[in-house]
Amino acid sequence: MTYVLLSVLCSVLVSVLLKVSGRYRLDVGQAVAWNYVVAGGLALTVLRPSLAPLRHAGTPWPALIALGVLLPTVFLVLAASVRHAGIVRSDAAQRLSLLISLLAAFVWFGQRFDALTAAGCVLGLLAMAAMVWRQRHGDAGAGVASWGFPVAVFIGAGVIDVLFKRVAAASIPLGTALLVTFGLALAVAFAIEFARRVHFTLRSLAAGVLLGLLNFGNILFYLRAHRALPHNPALVFASMNLGVVALGALTGLLLFRERLGRINAAGLGLALLAVGLLVHG
């Protein structure tokens, strides 16, 4: 389980870095762009993927291109969500996005629901609604940003997961898919920054290097956890998702003093229960 814990830690540290970006005057857009330089380089050197599968006629280029566009844009949305709605809501929304991939599997891939999965979907939707609930109009952080960004993270992360499933169904190795999508995401992210006419800084470059290490570490340790426990993928999946929600909640509440109302806290509990039911179902 060491690899799972390391993957969870990397995932939550990404949110922490995004949370403190304003405090240290970091340009998140620049950091996201440099992140894909680092992540792409690590994918090439560590995973050593072959590009031969890309020559096949069935290569899902539309899905790969869509991933290249969505990865950096959803990353920027996640940064905005962490800044406006907090780590607790943002990490939970990101993990609850598996609802979208499950619904896609049911609609497009012929997967059948059992009672646990159906219950998990219902609880997940209730959890999402409760976690973005506005308690009072005068609350700090209240407004469209406090619920709009987590909802956008929920939808965006879910669509990304569906696209990766589409790529996997086409028998494209994960390493190859990651290298291609990181390369495309790099181009999109830098195009956004050049369009903004930003002044690149060493501070944001350093943040991007750290972000890339954490982003790739999250993926690498998750893959190694599955390799270490080949006969128990549900345990890895459940531990990863529940671990991110739980550690993200503790980090937001204890380290950043994020405030949750009673309905929001109930939503966090429902999110943990929903993820547990979904992965076991």
Protein backbone atom coordinates (compact mmCIF):
# COMPACT_ATOMS: atom_id res chain seq x y z
CA MET A 1 0.00 0.00 0.00
CA THR A 2 3.05 2.26 0.09
CA TYR A 3 2.61 3.17 -3.57
CA VAL A 4 -1.05 4.06 -2.98
CA LEU A 5 -0.10 6.35 -0.09
CA LEU A 6 2.58 8.05 -2.20
CA SER A 7 0.11 8.52 -5.06
CA VAL A 8 -2.47 10.03 -2.69
CA LEU A 9 0.18 12.33 -1.20
CA CYS A 10 1.28 13.56 -4.64
CA SER A 11 -2.34 14.24 -5.65
CA VAL A 12 -3.12 16.27 -2.54
CA LEU A 13 0.20 18.15 -2.73
CA VAL A 14 -0.80 19.31 -6.22
CA SER A 15 -3.85 20.95 -4.64
CA VAL A 16 -1.71 22.44 -1.86
CA LEU A 17 0.66 23.96 -4.42
CA LEU A 18 -2.27 25.44 -6.33
CA LYS A 19 -3.71 26.76 -3.07
CA VAL A 20 -0.56 28.67 -2.08
CA SER A 21 0.15 29.97 -5.59
CA GLY A 22 -1.37 33.38 -4.84
CA ARG A 23 0.54 33.73 -1.58
CA TYR A 24 3.88 33.24 -3.34
CA ARG A 25 2.91 35.22 -6.46
CA LEU A 26 3.06 32.20 -8.77
CA ASP A 27 1.50 32.35 -12.22
CA VAL A 28 -0.55 29.16 -12.32
CA GLY A 29 -0.84 29.21 -16.12
CA GLN A 30 2.95 29.26 -16.49
CA ALA A 31 3.34 26.53 -13.86
CA VAL A 32 0.80 24.32 -15.65
CA ALA A 33 2.64 24.81 -18.95
CA TRP A 34 6.07 23.92 -17.49
CA ASN A 35 4.45 21.03 -15.65
CA TYR A 36 3.76 19.30 -18.96
CA VAL A 37 7.38 19.76 -20.07
CA VAL A 38 8.51 17.91 -16.94
CA ALA A 39 5.74 15.29 -16.97
CA GLY A 40 6.27 14.61 -20.68
CA GLY A 41 10.02 14.27 -20.21
CA LEU A 42 9.55 11.86 -17.31
CA ALA A 43 6.98 9.83 -19.24
CA LEU A 44 9.49 9.48 -22.07
CA THR A 45 12.44 8.50 -19.88
CA VAL A 46 10.73 6.44 -17.16
CA LEU A 47 7.92 4.69 -19.03
CA ARG A 48 9.84 4.51 -22.35
CA PRO A 49 6.69 4.22 -24.45
CA SER A 50 6.71 3.07 -28.05
CA LEU A 51 5.22 5.33 -30.70
CA ALA A 52 4.53 2.39 -33.03
CA PRO A 53 0.89 1.98 -31.86
CA LEU A 54 0.16 5.48 -33.20
CA ARG A 55 0.67 4.21 -36.75
CA HIS A 56 -2.33 1.89 -36.53
CA ALA A 57 -5.42 2.82 -38.51
CA GLY A 58 -7.60 2.65 -35.39
CA THR A 59 -5.65 5.23 -33.42
CA PRO A 60 -8.27 7.40 -31.66
CA TRP A 61 -6.81 10.76 -32.62
CA PRO A 62 -9.98 12.75 -31.82
CA ALA A 63 -9.89 11.44 -28.23
CA LEU A 64 -6.14 12.09 -27.92
CA ILE A 65 -6.49 15.64 -29.26
CA ALA A 66 -9.46 16.29 -26.96
CA LEU A 67 -7.34 15.10 -24.01
CA GLY A 68 -4.51 17.40 -25.09
CA VAL A 69 -6.91 20.35 -24.95
CA LEU A 70 -8.80 19.36 -21.81
CA LEU A 71 -5.86 18.40 -19.58
CA PRO A 72 -4.39 21.92 -19.29
CA THR A 73 -7.74 23.71 -19.29
CA VAL A 74 -9.24 21.50 -16.56
CA PHE A 75 -5.98 21.91 -14.63
CA LEU A 76 -6.52 25.67 -14.73
CA VAL A 77 -10.13 25.20 -13.65
CA LEU A 78 -8.93 23.01 -10.76
CA ALA A 79 -6.55 25.78 -9.72
CA ALA A 80 -9.41 28.28 -9.72
CA SER A 81 -11.59 25.85 -7.78
CA VAL A 82 -8.94 25.31 -5.11
CA ARG A 83 -8.49 29.09 -4.83
CA HIS A 84 -12.20 29.97 -4.61
CA ALA A 85 -13.87 26.85 -3.15
CA GLY A 86 -10.99 25.23 -1.26
CA ILE A 87 -9.11 21.94 -1.32
CA VAL A 88 -11.87 19.96 0.41
CA ARG A 89 -14.56 20.64 -2.20
CA SER A 90 -12.19 20.55 -5.16
CA ASP A 91 -10.56 17.19 -4.37
CA ALA A 92 -13.93 15.62 -3.56
CA ALA A 93 -15.43 16.96 -6.80
CA GLN A 94 -12.49 15.57 -8.75
CA ARG A 95 -12.95 12.09 -7.23
CA LEU A 96 -16.72 12.09 -7.55
CA SER A 97 -16.22 12.63 -11.29
CA LEU A 98 -16.02 8.84 -11.60
CA LEU A 99 -19.85 9.07 -11.65
CA ILE A 100 -19.57 10.48 -15.17
CA SER A 101 -17.26 7.70 -16.34
CA LEU A 102 -19.58 5.09 -14.84
CA LEU A 103 -22.60 6.57 -16.61
CA ALA A 104 -20.60 6.64 -19.85
CA ALA A 105 -19.67 2.99 -19.34
CA PHE A 106 -23.35 2.19 -18.89
CA VAL A 107 -24.48 4.16 -21.96
CA TRP A 108 -21.64 3.54 -24.42
CA PHE A 109 -19.67 0.52 -23.24
CA GLY A 110 -22.50 -1.81 -22.24
CA GLN A 111 -21.63 -2.03 -18.54
CA ARG A 112 -24.49 -3.18 -16.28
CA PHE A 113 -25.25 -1.55 -12.95
CA ASP A 114 -25.67 -3.52 -9.74
CA ALA A 115 -27.37 -2.31 -6.56
CA LEU A 116 -24.16 -0.96 -4.99
CA THR A 117 -23.23 1.03 -8.09
CA ALA A 118 -26.73 2.49 -8.39
CA ALA A 119 -26.72 3.46 -4.69
CA GLY A 120 -23.25 4.97 -5.08
CA CYS A 121 -24.40 7.09 -8.04
CA VAL A 122 -27.38 8.44 -6.10
CA LEU A 123 -25.27 9.20 -3.03
CA GLY A 124 -22.56 10.75 -5.22
CA LEU A 125 -25.00 13.18 -6.80
CA LEU A 126 -26.37 14.08 -3.35
CA ALA A 127 -22.82 14.52 -2.05
CA MET A 128 -21.91 16.85 -4.92
CA ALA A 129 -25.02 18.94 -4.33
CA ALA A 130 -24.37 19.14 -0.59
CA MET A 131 -20.70 20.07 -0.95
CA VAL A 132 -21.37 23.05 -3.20
CA TRP A 133 -24.36 24.24 -1.16
CA ARG A 134 -24.29 27.93 -0.22
CA GLN A 135 -25.12 28.26 3.46
CA ARG A 136 -25.62 32.01 3.61
CA HIS A 137 -25.20 34.82 1.13
CA GLY A 138 -22.75 36.54 3.47
CA ASP A 139 -20.35 33.57 3.71
CA ALA A 140 -16.76 34.15 2.65
CA GLY A 141 -16.21 32.69 -0.75
CA ALA A 142 -19.92 32.50 -1.46
CA GLY A 143 -21.11 33.13 -4.97
CA VAL A 144 -20.95 31.48 -8.32
CA ALA A 145 -17.21 30.77 -7.98
CA SER A 146 -17.67 28.76 -4.78
CA TRP A 147 -19.87 26.17 -6.50
CA GLY A 148 -19.32 26.77 -10.22
CA PHE A 149 -15.64 25.79 -10.26
CA PRO A 150 -16.10 22.50 -8.32
CA VAL A 151 -18.93 21.57 -10.69
CA ALA A 152 -16.68 22.37 -13.66
CA VAL A 153 -13.93 20.20 -12.13
CA PHE A 154 -16.46 17.40 -11.63
CA ILE A 155 -17.57 17.54 -15.28
CA GLY A 156 -14.11 18.14 -16.75
CA ALA A 157 -12.37 15.36 -14.81
CA GLY A 158 -15.21 12.98 -15.70
CA VAL A 159 -14.92 13.74 -19.41
CA ILE A 160 -11.14 13.24 -19.25
CA ASP A 161 -11.65 9.83 -17.63
CA VAL A 162 -14.14 8.84 -20.36
CA LEU A 163 -11.66 9.89 -23.05
CA PHE A 164 -8.89 7.83 -21.45
CA LYS A 165 -11.25 4.84 -21.43
CA ARG A 166 -11.90 5.45 -25.12
CA VAL A 167 -8.14 5.46 -25.76
CA ALA A 168 -7.66 2.29 -23.69
CA ALA A 169 -10.45 0.56 -25.62
CA ALA A 170 -8.45 1.22 -28.80
CA SER A 171 -5.54 -0.79 -27.29
CA ILE A 172 -3.21 2.21 -27.07
CA PRO A 173 -0.67 1.54 -24.25
CA LEU A 174 -1.03 3.94 -21.35
CA GLY A 175 2.57 5.18 -21.65
CA THR A 176 2.08 6.03 -25.32
CA ALA A 177 -1.23 7.76 -24.59
CA LEU A 178 0.33 9.79 -21.76
CA LEU A 179 3.29 10.88 -23.88
CA VAL A 180 1.04 12.04 -26.73
CA THR A 181 -1.48 13.82 -24.50
CA PHE A 182 1.28 15.48 -22.44
CA GLY A 183 2.88 16.71 -25.66
CA LEU A 184 -0.40 18.09 -26.98
CA ALA A 185 -1.25 19.58 -23.57
CA LEU A 186 2.16 21.27 -23.51
CA ALA A 187 1.45 22.93 -26.87
CA VAL A 188 -2.03 24.06 -25.76
CA ALA A 189 -0.80 25.37 -22.39
CA PHE A 190 2.03 27.43 -23.93
CA ALA A 191 -0.33 28.71 -26.65
CA ILE A 192 -2.60 30.01 -23.87
CA GLU A 193 0.35 31.69 -22.14
CA PHE A 194 1.63 33.31 -25.35
CA ALA A 195 -1.90 34.55 -26.06
CA ARG A 196 -1.91 36.12 -22.59
CA ARG A 197 1.47 37.74 -23.38
CA VAL A 198 2.76 36.83 -19.96
CA HIS A 199 6.22 37.59 -18.67
CA PHE A 200 7.79 34.22 -17.86
CA THR A 201 9.47 34.08 -14.44
CA LEU A 202 11.90 31.69 -12.77
CA ARG A 203 9.56 31.52 -9.78
CA SER A 204 6.73 30.11 -11.89
CA LEU A 205 9.15 27.84 -13.75
CA ALA A 206 10.27 26.33 -10.43
CA ALA A 207 6.65 25.86 -9.42
CA GLY A 208 5.98 24.17 -12.76
CA VAL A 209 8.88 21.75 -12.26
CA LEU A 210 7.53 20.81 -8.82
CA LEU A 211 4.02 20.52 -10.21
CA GLY A 212 5.25 18.25 -13.00
CA LEU A 213 7.10 16.00 -10.54
CA LEU A 214 3.99 15.68 -8.37
CA ASN A 215 1.68 15.17 -11.34
CA PHE A 216 3.85 12.43 -12.82
CA GLY A 217 4.53 10.92 -9.39
CA ASN A 218 0.79 10.58 -8.83
CA ILE A 219 0.46 8.60 -12.07
CA LEU A 220 3.64 6.51 -11.63
CA PHE A 221 2.90 5.43 -8.05
CA TYR A 222 -0.70 4.61 -8.99
CA LEU A 223 0.49 2.36 -11.83
CA ARG A 224 3.04 0.68 -9.57
CA ALA A 225 0.38 0.10 -6.92
CA HIS A 226 -1.67 -1.80 -9.50
CA ARG A 227 1.43 -3.77 -10.49
CA ALA A 228 2.18 -4.61 -6.83
CA LEU A 229 -1.43 -5.76 -6.24
CA PRO A 230 -2.38 -7.27 -9.61
CA HIS A 231 -5.18 -9.42 -8.18
CA ASN A 232 -6.88 -6.67 -6.19
CA PRO A 233 -7.43 -3.63 -8.45
CA ALA A 234 -10.58 -2.63 -6.52
CA LEU A 235 -8.51 -2.20 -3.35
CA VAL A 236 -6.06 0.10 -5.16
CA PHE A 237 -8.86 2.11 -6.78
CA ALA A 238 -10.83 2.44 -3.54
CA SER A 239 -7.78 3.33 -1.46
CA MET A 240 -6.68 5.95 -3.98
CA ASN A 241 -10.02 7.73 -4.29
CA LEU A 242 -11.00 7.55 -0.62
CA GLY A 243 -7.48 8.51 0.41
CA VAL A 244 -7.48 11.67 -1.73
CA VAL A 245 -10.89 12.75 -0.43
CA ALA A 246 -9.93 12.07 3.22
CA LEU A 247 -6.42 13.58 3.10
CA GLY A 248 -7.65 16.52 1.03
CA ALA A 249 -10.33 17.18 3.65
CA LEU A 250 -7.85 17.01 6.54
CA THR A 251 -5.40 19.26 4.70
CA GLY A 252 -8.02 21.87 3.87
CA LEU A 253 -9.60 21.89 7.31
CA LEU A 254 -6.45 21.74 9.46
CA LEU A 255 -3.77 23.44 7.36
CA PHE A 256 -5.82 26.12 5.59
CA ARG A 257 -8.72 26.49 8.06
CA GLU A 258 -11.31 25.99 5.32
CA ARG A 259 -14.84 26.32 6.65
CA LEU A 260 -17.59 23.81 5.91
CA GLY A 261 -21.19 24.22 6.95
CA ARG A 262 -23.18 21.29 8.27
CA ILE A 263 -24.63 20.49 4.87
CA ASN A 264 -21.16 20.71 3.27
CA ALA A 265 -19.70 18.41 5.95
CA ALA A 266 -22.53 15.95 5.41
CA GLY A 267 -21.74 16.09 1.70
CA LEU A 268 -18.11 15.18 2.43
CA GLY A 269 -19.28 12.14 4.41
CA LEU A 270 -21.62 11.15 1.59
CA ALA A 271 -18.75 11.53 -0.89
CA LEU A 272 -16.62 9.06 1.06
CA LEU A 273 -19.50 6.61 1.25
CA ALA A 274 -20.40 7.06 -2.42
CA VAL A 275 -16.85 6.43 -3.62
CA GLY A 276 -16.67 3.32 -1.45
CA LEU A 277 -19.92 1.94 -2.88
CA LEU A 278 -18.94 2.78 -6.47
CA VAL A 279 -15.56 1.09 -6.39
CA HIS A 280 -16.93 -2.02 -4.67
CA GLY A 281 -19.96 -2.12 -6.93
